[in-house]
Amino acid sequence: MILYIDTSNSEKIKVRIGEMEIEKDSRERKSQTLLETIDEALTAQGCSLQDMEGVEVNLGPGSFTGLRVGVSVANALGYSLGIPVNGQNVGKAGTVAPEYY
């Protein structure tokens, strides 16, 4: 399963595991709310962090502090679990923007 983290919105966070998606208000305590929401989604799916095959995180555009929290948590999980972490640029319409190099 893939864990998707979106902390780009300054007022809420979104976590998705499989078909389970949880969105919560997080005006304050974004890092604590994110970890609690990940745990809630894992419990609802009946799985654990060890079942994750990868982490995807929204890279923006969005709130700088929020993005920093999301990327930090994604990187920490990827490192500790030995799984890949991929960033996505998601526009305001919720579509993935192509990467141009």
PDB file of N, CA and C in Angstrom:
ATOM      1  N   MET A   1       0.836  -1.176   0.000  1.00  0.00           N
ATOM      2  CA  MET A   1       0.000   0.000   0.000  1.00  0.00           C
ATOM      3  C   MET A   1       0.887   1.248   0.000  1.00  0.00           C
ATOM      4  N   ILE A   2       0.335   2.310  -0.556  1.00  0.00           N
ATOM      5  CA  ILE A   2       1.033   3.585  -0.634  1.00  0.00           C
ATOM      6  C   ILE A   2       0.361   4.571   0.321  1.00  0.00           C
ATOM      7  N   LEU A   3       1.162   5.274   1.086  1.00  0.00           N
ATOM      8  CA  LEU A   3       0.682   6.327   1.979  1.00  0.00           C
ATOM      9  C   LEU A   3       0.823   7.652   1.246  1.00  0.00           C
ATOM     10  N   TYR A   4      -0.277   8.409   1.133  1.00  0.00           N
ATOM     11  CA  TYR A   4      -0.256   9.723   0.494  1.00  0.00           C
ATOM     12  C   TYR A   4      -0.476  10.786   1.562  1.00  0.00           C
ATOM     13  N   ILE A   5       0.380  11.792   1.598  1.00  0.00           N
ATOM     14  CA  ILE A   5       0.318  12.872   2.580  1.00  0.00           C
ATOM     15  C   ILE A   5       0.179  14.201   1.850  1.00  0.00           C
ATOM     16  N   ASP A   6      -0.822  15.004   2.264  1.00  0.00           N
ATOM     17  CA  ASP A   6      -0.999  16.344   1.700  1.00  0.00           C
ATOM     18  C   ASP A   6      -1.170  17.340   2.846  1.00  0.00           C
ATOM     19  N   THR A   7      -0.157  18.166   3.054  1.00  0.00           N
ATOM     20  CA  THR A   7      -0.206  19.194   4.097  1.00  0.00           C
ATOM     21  C   THR A   7      -0.079  20.592   3.490  1.00  0.00           C
ATOM     22  N   SER A   8      -0.425  20.721   2.214  1.00  0.00           N
ATOM     23  CA  SER A   8      -0.243  21.996   1.513  1.00  0.00           C
ATOM     24  C   SER A   8      -1.243  23.061   1.943  1.00  0.00           C
ATOM     25  N   ASN A   9      -2.399  22.655   2.429  1.00  0.00           N
ATOM     26  CA  ASN A   9      -3.427  23.596   2.849  1.00  0.00           C
ATOM     27  C   ASN A   9      -3.121  24.068   4.267  1.00  0.00           C
ATOM     28  N   SER A  10      -3.181  25.364   4.503  1.00  0.00           N
ATOM     29  CA  SER A  10      -2.834  25.893   5.826  1.00  0.00           C
ATOM     30  C   SER A  10      -3.886  25.572   6.883  1.00  0.00           C
ATOM     31  N   GLU A  11      -5.067  25.104   6.461  1.00  0.00           N
ATOM     32  CA  GLU A  11      -6.140  24.840   7.416  1.00  0.00           C
ATOM     33  C   GLU A  11      -6.469  23.367   7.599  1.00  0.00           C
ATOM     34  N   LYS A  12      -6.003  22.491   6.721  1.00  0.00           N
ATOM     35  CA  LYS A  12      -6.340  21.073   6.859  1.00  0.00           C
ATOM     36  C   LYS A  12      -5.255  20.194   6.265  1.00  0.00           C
ATOM     37  N   ILE A  13      -5.285  18.936   6.667  1.00  0.00           N
ATOM     38  CA  ILE A  13      -4.362  17.940   6.119  1.00  0.00           C
ATOM     39  C   ILE A  13      -5.181  16.798   5.532  1.00  0.00           C
ATOM     40  N   LYS A  14      -4.560  16.065   4.621  1.00  0.00           N
ATOM     41  CA  LYS A  14      -5.216  14.922   3.996  1.00  0.00           C
ATOM     42  C   LYS A  14      -4.238  13.759   3.993  1.00  0.00           C
ATOM     43  N   VAL A  15      -4.739  12.586   4.395  1.00  0.00           N
ATOM     44  CA  VAL A  15      -3.955  11.357   4.390  1.00  0.00           C
ATOM     45  C   VAL A  15      -4.776  10.300   3.669  1.00  0.00           C
ATOM     46  N   ARG A  16      -4.129   9.558   2.760  1.00  0.00           N
ATOM     47  CA  ARG A  16      -4.821   8.490   2.037  1.00  0.00           C
ATOM     48  C   ARG A  16      -3.970   7.229   2.062  1.00  0.00           C
ATOM     49  N   ILE A  17      -4.620   6.129   2.383  1.00  0.00           N
ATOM     50  CA  ILE A  17      -4.005   4.805   2.304  1.00  0.00           C
ATOM     51  C   ILE A  17      -5.001   3.921   1.574  1.00  0.00           C
ATOM     52  N   GLY A  18      -4.640   3.450   0.403  1.00  0.00           N
ATOM     53  CA  GLY A  18      -5.586   2.673  -0.396  1.00  0.00           C
ATOM     54  C   GLY A  18      -6.788   3.540  -0.735  1.00  0.00           C
ATOM     55  N   GLU A  19      -7.979   3.058  -0.429  1.00  0.00           N
ATOM     56  CA  GLU A  19      -9.210   3.802  -0.690  1.00  0.00           C
ATOM     57  C   GLU A  19      -9.615   4.675   0.495  1.00  0.00           C
ATOM     58  N   MET A  20      -8.940   4.520   1.627  1.00  0.00           N
ATOM     59  CA  MET A  20      -9.276   5.275   2.838  1.00  0.00           C
ATOM     60  C   MET A  20      -8.615   6.647   2.791  1.00  0.00           C
ATOM     61  N   GLU A  21      -9.451   7.696   2.810  1.00  0.00           N
ATOM     62  CA  GLU A  21      -8.925   9.062   2.810  1.00  0.00           C
ATOM     63  C   GLU A  21      -9.511   9.806   3.999  1.00  0.00           C
ATOM     64  N   ILE A  22      -8.640  10.431   4.773  1.00  0.00           N
ATOM     65  CA  ILE A  22      -9.074  11.196   5.937  1.00  0.00           C
ATOM     66  C   ILE A  22      -8.574  12.626   5.775  1.00  0.00           C
ATOM     67  N   GLU A  23      -9.479  13.566   5.981  1.00  0.00           N
ATOM     68  CA  GLU A  23      -9.139  14.984   5.916  1.00  0.00           C
ATOM     69  C   GLU A  23      -9.506  15.606   7.255  1.00  0.00           C
ATOM     70  N   LYS A  24      -8.564  16.326   7.857  1.00  0.00           N
ATOM     71  CA  LYS A  24      -8.801  16.912   9.179  1.00  0.00           C
ATOM     72  C   LYS A  24      -8.368  18.368   9.227  1.00  0.00           C
ATOM     73  N   ASP A  25      -9.056  19.115  10.090  1.00  0.00           N
ATOM     74  CA  ASP A  25      -8.687  20.495  10.367  1.00  0.00           C
ATOM     75  C   ASP A  25      -7.363  20.499  11.120  1.00  0.00           C
ATOM     76  N   SER A  26      -6.458  21.387  10.716  1.00  0.00           N
ATOM     77  CA  SER A  26      -5.149  21.419  11.379  1.00  0.00           C
ATOM     78  C   SER A  26      -4.562  22.823  11.387  1.00  0.00           C
ATOM     79  N   ARG A  27      -5.352  23.781  11.799  1.00  0.00           N
ATOM     80  CA  ARG A  27      -4.841  25.160  11.822  1.00  0.00           C
ATOM     81  C   ARG A  27      -3.634  25.284  12.741  1.00  0.00           C
ATOM     82  N   GLU A  28      -3.643  24.519  13.810  1.00  0.00           N
ATOM     83  CA  GLU A  28      -2.517  24.486  14.747  1.00  0.00           C
ATOM     84  C   GLU A  28      -2.104  23.026  14.928  1.00  0.00           C
ATOM     85  N   ARG A  29      -0.917  22.795  15.432  1.00  0.00           N
ATOM     86  CA  ARG A  29      -0.440  21.447  15.733  1.00  0.00           C
ATOM     87  C   ARG A  29      -0.431  20.548  14.492  1.00  0.00           C
ATOM     88  N   LYS A  30       0.007  21.072  13.374  1.00  0.00           N
ATOM     89  CA  LYS A  30      -0.036  20.310  12.125  1.00  0.00           C
ATOM     90  C   LYS A  30       0.742  19.001  12.217  1.00  0.00           C
ATOM     91  N   SER A  31       1.922  19.017  12.824  1.00  0.00           N
ATOM     92  CA  SER A  31       2.726  17.791  12.892  1.00  0.00           C
ATOM     93  C   SER A  31       2.062  16.741  13.772  1.00  0.00           C
ATOM     94  N   GLN A  32       1.496  17.143  14.906  1.00  0.00           N
ATOM     95  CA  GLN A  32       0.820  16.185  15.765  1.00  0.00           C
ATOM     96  C   GLN A  32      -0.435  15.636  15.093  1.00  0.00           C
ATOM     97  N   THR A  33      -1.193  16.523  14.458  1.00  0.00           N
ATOM     98  CA  THR A  33      -2.408  16.100  13.772  1.00  0.00           C
ATOM     99  C   THR A  33      -2.085  15.137  12.637  1.00  0.00           C
ATOM    100  N   LEU A  34      -1.007  15.379  11.914  1.00  0.00           N
ATOM    101  CA  LEU A  34      -0.621  14.510  10.804  1.00  0.00           C
ATOM    102  C   LEU A  34      -0.304  13.104  11.298  1.00  0.00           C
ATOM    103  N   LEU A  35       0.493  12.993  12.341  1.00  0.00           N
ATOM    104  CA  LEU A  35       0.857  11.670  12.860  1.00  0.00           C
ATOM    105  C   LEU A  35      -0.365  10.929  13.398  1.00  0.00           C
ATOM    106  N   GLU A  36      -1.257  11.636  14.089  1.00  0.00           N
ATOM    107  CA  GLU A  36      -2.489  11.023  14.585  1.00  0.00           C
ATOM    108  C   GLU A  36      -3.366  10.552  13.427  1.00  0.00           C
ATOM    109  N   THR A  37      -3.438  11.341  12.364  1.00  0.00           N
ATOM    110  CA  THR A  37      -4.272  11.000  11.211  1.00  0.00           C
ATOM    111  C   THR A  37      -3.706   9.799  10.460  1.00  0.00           C
ATOM    112  N   ILE A  38      -2.391   9.719  10.332  1.00  0.00           N
ATOM    113  CA  ILE A  38      -1.768   8.546   9.706  1.00  0.00           C
ATOM    114  C   ILE A  38      -2.101   7.300  10.511  1.00  0.00           C
ATOM    115  N   ASP A  39      -1.988   7.381  11.831  1.00  0.00           N
ATOM    116  CA  ASP A  39      -2.312   6.243  12.693  1.00  0.00           C
ATOM    117  C   ASP A  39      -3.777   5.851  12.553  1.00  0.00           C
ATOM    118  N   GLU A  40      -4.661   6.836  12.485  1.00  0.00           N
ATOM    119  CA  GLU A  40      -6.091   6.579  12.318  1.00  0.00           C
ATOM    120  C   GLU A  40      -6.382   5.876  10.985  1.00  0.00           C
ATOM    121  N   ALA A  41      -5.745   6.332   9.916  1.00  0.00           N
ATOM    122  CA  ALA A  41      -5.946   5.719   8.599  1.00  0.00           C
ATOM    123  C   ALA A  41      -5.416   4.286   8.571  1.00  0.00           C
ATOM    124  N   LEU A  42      -4.262   4.061   9.184  1.00  0.00           N
ATOM    125  CA  LEU A  42      -3.706   2.705   9.252  1.00  0.00           C
ATOM    126  C   LEU A  42      -4.645   1.774  10.004  1.00  0.00           C
ATOM    127  N   THR A  43      -5.174   2.232  11.127  1.00  0.00           N
ATOM    128  CA  THR A  43      -6.095   1.427  11.922  1.00  0.00           C
ATOM    129  C   THR A  43      -7.362   1.119  11.134  1.00  0.00           C
ATOM    130  N   ALA A  44      -7.904   2.121  10.440  1.00  0.00           N
ATOM    131  CA  ALA A  44      -9.121   1.929   9.648  1.00  0.00           C
ATOM    132  C   ALA A  44      -8.908   0.926   8.516  1.00  0.00           C
ATOM    133  N   GLN A  45      -7.713   0.895   7.954  1.00  0.00           N
ATOM    134  CA  GLN A  45      -7.391  -0.040   6.873  1.00  0.00           C
ATOM    135  C   GLN A  45      -6.966  -1.408   7.405  1.00  0.00           C
ATOM    136  N   GLY A  46      -6.748  -1.509   8.706  1.00  0.00           N
ATOM    137  CA  GLY A  46      -6.328  -2.776   9.296  1.00  0.00           C
ATOM    138  C   GLY A  46      -4.906  -3.149   8.931  1.00  0.00           C
ATOM    139  N   CYS A  47      -4.053  -2.158   8.801  1.00  0.00           N
ATOM    140  CA  CYS A  47      -2.663  -2.427   8.447  1.00  0.00           C
ATOM    141  C   CYS A  47      -1.734  -1.629   9.354  1.00  0.00           C
ATOM    142  N   SER A  48      -0.444  -1.830   9.173  1.00  0.00           N
ATOM    143  CA  SER A  48       0.548  -1.126   9.981  1.00  0.00           C
ATOM    144  C   SER A  48       1.531  -0.417   9.058  1.00  0.00           C
ATOM    145  N   LEU A  49       2.420   0.359   9.646  1.00  0.00           N
ATOM    146  CA  LEU A  49       3.428   1.053   8.850  1.00  0.00           C
ATOM    147  C   LEU A  49       4.297   0.074   8.071  1.00  0.00           C
ATOM    148  N   GLN A  50       4.541  -1.098   8.630  1.00  0.00           N
ATOM    149  CA  GLN A  50       5.380  -2.088   7.955  1.00  0.00           C
ATOM    150  C   GLN A  50       4.738  -2.608   6.668  1.00  0.00           C
ATOM    151  N   ASP A  51       3.431  -2.408   6.500  1.00  0.00           N
ATOM    152  CA  ASP A  51       2.739  -2.826   5.278  1.00  0.00           C
ATOM    153  C   ASP A  51       2.882  -1.808   4.147  1.00  0.00           C
ATOM    154  N   MET A  52       3.406  -0.622   4.443  1.00  0.00           N
ATOM    155  CA  MET A  52       3.539   0.421   3.437  1.00  0.00           C
ATOM    156  C   MET A  52       4.671   0.083   2.466  1.00  0.00           C
ATOM    157  N   GLU A  53       4.397   0.300   1.180  1.00  0.00           N
ATOM    158  CA  GLU A  53       5.383   0.043   0.126  1.00  0.00           C
ATOM    159  C   GLU A  53       6.035   1.328  -0.363  1.00  0.00           C
ATOM    160  N   GLY A  54       5.461   2.466   0.007  1.00  0.00           N
ATOM    161  CA  GLY A  54       5.999   3.747  -0.415  1.00  0.00           C
ATOM    162  C   GLY A  54       5.202   4.890   0.180  1.00  0.00           C
ATOM    163  N   VAL A  55       5.766   6.084   0.075  1.00  0.00           N
ATOM    164  CA  VAL A  55       5.112   7.295   0.566  1.00  0.00           C
ATOM    165  C   VAL A  55       5.116   8.319  -0.560  1.00  0.00           C
ATOM    166  N   GLU A  56       3.963   8.938  -0.792  1.00  0.00           N
ATOM    167  CA  GLU A  56       3.857  10.040  -1.743  1.00  0.00           C
ATOM    168  C   GLU A  56       3.445  11.274  -0.963  1.00  0.00           C
ATOM    169  N   VAL A  57       4.070  12.392  -1.273  1.00  0.00           N
ATOM    170  CA  VAL A  57       3.795  13.621  -0.537  1.00  0.00           C
ATOM    171  C   VAL A  57       3.610  14.774  -1.515  1.00  0.00           C
ATOM    172  N   ASN A  58       2.627  15.623  -1.223  1.00  0.00           N
ATOM    173  CA  ASN A  58       2.372  16.797  -2.053  1.00  0.00           C
ATOM    174  C   ASN A  58       3.460  17.832  -1.788  1.00  0.00           C
ATOM    175  N   LEU A  59       4.120  18.289  -2.848  1.00  0.00           N
ATOM    176  CA  LEU A  59       5.198  19.272  -2.737  1.00  0.00           C
ATOM    177  C   LEU A  59       4.725  20.702  -2.958  1.00  0.00           C
ATOM    178  N   GLY A  60       3.462  20.884  -3.225  1.00  0.00           N
ATOM    179  CA  GLY A  60       2.957  22.243  -3.379  1.00  0.00           C
ATOM    180  C   GLY A  60       2.213  22.443  -4.681  1.00  0.00           C
ATOM    181  N   PRO A  61       1.808  23.645  -4.895  1.00  0.00           N
ATOM    182  CA  PRO A  61       2.037  24.833  -4.082  1.00  0.00           C
ATOM    183  C   PRO A  61       1.221  24.782  -2.798  1.00  0.00           C
ATOM    184  N   GLY A  62       1.628  25.587  -1.826  1.00  0.00           N
ATOM    185  CA  GLY A  62       0.908  25.619  -0.565  1.00  0.00           C
ATOM    186  C   GLY A  62       1.682  26.302   0.527  1.00  0.00           C
ATOM    187  N   SER A  63       1.173  26.141   1.731  1.00  0.00           N
ATOM    188  CA  SER A  63       1.770  26.730   2.923  1.00  0.00           C
ATOM    189  C   SER A  63       3.174  26.174   3.144  1.00  0.00           C
ATOM    190  N   PHE A  64       4.163  27.061   3.275  1.00  0.00           N
ATOM    191  CA  PHE A  64       5.548  26.612   3.426  1.00  0.00           C
ATOM    192  C   PHE A  64       5.721  25.729   4.655  1.00  0.00           C
ATOM    193  N   THR A  65       5.203  26.171   5.791  1.00  0.00           N
ATOM    194  CA  THR A  65       5.350  25.386   7.016  1.00  0.00           C
ATOM    195  C   THR A  65       4.639  24.048   6.882  1.00  0.00           C
ATOM    196  N   GLY A  66       3.450  24.059   6.307  1.00  0.00           N
ATOM    197  CA  GLY A  66       2.710  22.818   6.111  1.00  0.00           C
ATOM    198  C   GLY A  66       3.450  21.849   5.212  1.00  0.00           C
ATOM    199  N   LEU A  67       3.988  22.353   4.105  1.00  0.00           N
ATOM    200  CA  LEU A  67       4.741  21.498   3.187  1.00  0.00           C
ATOM    201  C   LEU A  67       5.978  20.927   3.862  1.00  0.00           C
ATOM    202  N   ARG A  68       6.632  21.740   4.660  1.00  0.00           N
ATOM    203  CA  ARG A  68       7.835  21.298   5.372  1.00  0.00           C
ATOM    204  C   ARG A  68       7.502  20.165   6.341  1.00  0.00           C
ATOM    205  N   VAL A  69       6.377  20.269   7.039  1.00  0.00           N
ATOM    206  CA  VAL A  69       5.948  19.213   7.962  1.00  0.00           C
ATOM    207  C   VAL A  69       5.665  17.925   7.186  1.00  0.00           C
ATOM    208  N   GLY A  70       4.911  18.023   6.096  1.00  0.00           N
ATOM    209  CA  GLY A  70       4.568  16.838   5.307  1.00  0.00           C
ATOM    210  C   GLY A  70       5.780  16.139   4.732  1.00  0.00           C
ATOM    211  N   VAL A  71       6.702  16.913   4.172  1.00  0.00           N
ATOM    212  CA  VAL A  71       7.909  16.334   3.578  1.00  0.00           C
ATOM    213  C   VAL A  71       8.798  15.721   4.658  1.00  0.00           C
ATOM    214  N   SER A  72       8.896  16.369   5.806  1.00  0.00           N
ATOM    215  CA  SER A  72       9.721  15.835   6.898  1.00  0.00           C
ATOM    216  C   SER A  72       9.182  14.506   7.406  1.00  0.00           C
ATOM    217  N   VAL A  73       7.871  14.426   7.601  1.00  0.00           N
ATOM    218  CA  VAL A  73       7.266  13.172   8.063  1.00  0.00           C
ATOM    219  C   VAL A  73       7.427  12.091   7.001  1.00  0.00           C
ATOM    220  N   ALA A  74       7.194  12.433   5.734  1.00  0.00           N
ATOM    221  CA  ALA A  74       7.343  11.456   4.649  1.00  0.00           C
ATOM    222  C   ALA A  74       8.773  10.928   4.583  1.00  0.00           C
ATOM    223  N   ASN A  75       9.747  11.821   4.660  1.00  0.00           N
ATOM    224  CA  ASN A  75      11.151  11.397   4.615  1.00  0.00           C
ATOM    225  C   ASN A  75      11.526  10.545   5.818  1.00  0.00           C
ATOM    226  N   ALA A  76      11.046  10.903   6.995  1.00  0.00           N
ATOM    227  CA  ALA A  76      11.341  10.117   8.198  1.00  0.00           C
ATOM    228  C   ALA A  76      10.755   8.714   8.084  1.00  0.00           C
ATOM    229  N   LEU A  77       9.520   8.615   7.594  1.00  0.00           N
ATOM    230  CA  LEU A  77       8.899   7.298   7.423  1.00  0.00           C
ATOM    231  C   LEU A  77       9.635   6.487   6.363  1.00  0.00           C
ATOM    232  N   GLY A  78       9.953   7.120   5.249  1.00  0.00           N
ATOM    233  CA  GLY A  78      10.672   6.420   4.185  1.00  0.00           C
ATOM    234  C   GLY A  78      12.011   5.897   4.655  1.00  0.00           C
ATOM    235  N   TYR A  79      12.746   6.723   5.377  1.00  0.00           N
ATOM    236  CA  TYR A  79      14.066   6.325   5.879  1.00  0.00           C
ATOM    237  C   TYR A  79      13.953   5.190   6.894  1.00  0.00           C
ATOM    238  N   SER A  80      13.042   5.341   7.853  1.00  0.00           N
ATOM    239  CA  SER A  80      12.948   4.340   8.915  1.00  0.00           C
ATOM    240  C   SER A  80      12.386   3.008   8.427  1.00  0.00           C
ATOM    241  N   LEU A  81      11.524   3.049   7.410  1.00  0.00           N
ATOM    242  CA  LEU A  81      10.921   1.819   6.888  1.00  0.00           C
ATOM    243  C   LEU A  81      11.670   1.261   5.680  1.00  0.00           C
ATOM    244  N   GLY A  82      12.612   2.035   5.142  1.00  0.00           N
ATOM    245  CA  GLY A  82      13.358   1.593   3.969  1.00  0.00           C
ATOM    246  C   GLY A  82      12.499   1.508   2.720  1.00  0.00           C
ATOM    247  N   ILE A  83      11.572   2.470   2.571  1.00  0.00           N
ATOM    248  CA  ILE A  83      10.675   2.488   1.415  1.00  0.00           C
ATOM    249  C   ILE A  83      10.871   3.795   0.644  1.00  0.00           C
ATOM    250  N   PRO A  84      10.513   3.809  -0.651  1.00  0.00           N
ATOM    251  CA  PRO A  84      10.706   5.021  -1.451  1.00  0.00           C
ATOM    252  C   PRO A  84       9.730   6.134  -1.071  1.00  0.00           C
ATOM    253  N   VAL A  85      10.200   7.363  -1.225  1.00  0.00           N
ATOM    254  CA  VAL A  85       9.384   8.556  -1.006  1.00  0.00           C
ATOM    255  C   VAL A  85       9.365   9.330  -2.312  1.00  0.00           C
ATOM    256  N   ASN A  86       8.174   9.659  -2.786  1.00  0.00           N
ATOM    257  CA  ASN A  86       8.024  10.399  -4.036  1.00  0.00           C
ATOM    258  C   ASN A  86       7.249  11.674  -3.780  1.00  0.00           C
ATOM    259  N   GLY A  87       7.709  12.772  -4.368  1.00  0.00           N
ATOM    260  CA  GLY A  87       7.008  14.041  -4.261  1.00  0.00           C
ATOM    261  C   GLY A  87       6.165  14.288  -5.488  1.00  0.00           C
ATOM    262  N   GLN A  88       5.027  14.953  -5.283  1.00  0.00           N
ATOM    263  CA  GLN A  88       4.144  15.319  -6.384  1.00  0.00           C
ATOM    264  C   GLN A  88       3.813  16.794  -6.273  1.00  0.00           C
ATOM    265  N   ASN A  89       3.826  17.487  -7.400  1.00  0.00           N
ATOM    266  CA  ASN A  89       3.351  18.864  -7.441  1.00  0.00           C
ATOM    267  C   ASN A  89       1.889  18.825  -7.839  1.00  0.00           C
ATOM    268  N   VAL A  90       1.018  19.179  -6.913  1.00  0.00           N
ATOM    269  CA  VAL A  90      -0.419  19.124  -7.159  1.00  0.00           C
ATOM    270  C   VAL A  90      -0.950  20.545  -7.215  1.00  0.00           C
ATOM    271  N   GLY A  91      -1.628  20.872  -8.310  1.00  0.00           N
ATOM    272  CA  GLY A  91      -2.176  22.216  -8.480  1.00  0.00           C
ATOM    273  C   GLY A  91      -3.421  22.434  -7.652  1.00  0.00           C
ATOM    274  N   LYS A  92      -3.958  23.646  -7.715  1.00  0.00           N
ATOM    275  CA  LYS A  92      -5.144  23.989  -6.934  1.00  0.00           C
ATOM    276  C   LYS A  92      -6.357  23.164  -7.338  1.00  0.00           C
ATOM    277  N   ALA A  93      -6.412  22.709  -8.570  1.00  0.00           N
ATOM    278  CA  ALA A  93      -7.541  21.901  -9.020  1.00  0.00           C
ATOM    279  C   ALA A  93      -7.413  20.451  -8.571  1.00  0.00           C
ATOM    280  N   GLY A  94      -6.327  20.121  -7.887  1.00  0.00           N
ATOM    281  CA  GLY A  94      -6.142  18.758  -7.409  1.00  0.00           C
ATOM    282  C   GLY A  94      -5.534  17.835  -8.437  1.00  0.00           C
ATOM    283  N   THR A  95      -5.017  18.401  -9.517  1.00  0.00           N
ATOM    284  CA  THR A  95      -4.408  17.579 -10.556  1.00  0.00           C
ATOM    285  C   THR A  95      -2.898  17.589 -10.400  1.00  0.00           C
ATOM    286  N   VAL A  96      -2.283  16.506 -10.765  1.00  0.00           N
ATOM    287  CA  VAL A  96      -0.832  16.415 -10.676  1.00  0.00           C
ATOM    288  C   VAL A  96      -0.225  17.180 -11.836  1.00  0.00           C
ATOM    289  N   ALA A  97       0.649  18.126 -11.511  1.00  0.00           N
ATOM    290  CA  ALA A  97       1.305  18.934 -12.539  1.00  0.00           C
ATOM    291  C   ALA A  97       2.525  18.196 -13.067  1.00  0.00           C
ATOM    292  N   PRO A  98       2.753  18.233 -14.366  1.00  0.00           N
ATOM    293  CA  PRO A  98       3.925  17.551 -14.912  1.00  0.00           C
ATOM    294  C   PRO A  98       5.221  18.234 -14.499  1.00  0.00           C
ATOM    295  N   GLU A  99       6.257  17.453 -14.370  1.00  0.00           N
ATOM    296  CA  GLU A  99       7.585  17.979 -14.043  1.00  0.00           C
ATOM    297  C   GLU A  99       8.279  18.375 -15.345  1.00  0.00           C
ATOM    298  N   TYR A 100       8.832  19.565 -15.406  1.00  0.00           N
ATOM    299  CA  TYR A 100       9.584  20.009 -16.573  1.00  0.00           C
ATOM    300  C   TYR A 100      11.026  20.229 -16.160  1.00  0.00           C
ATOM    301  N   TYR A 101      11.954  19.682 -16.909  1.00  0.00           N
ATOM    302  CA  TYR A 101      13.373  19.810 -16.590  1.00  0.00           C
ATOM    303  C   TYR A 101      14.093  20.501 -17.718  1.00  0.00           C
TER     304      TYR A 101
END
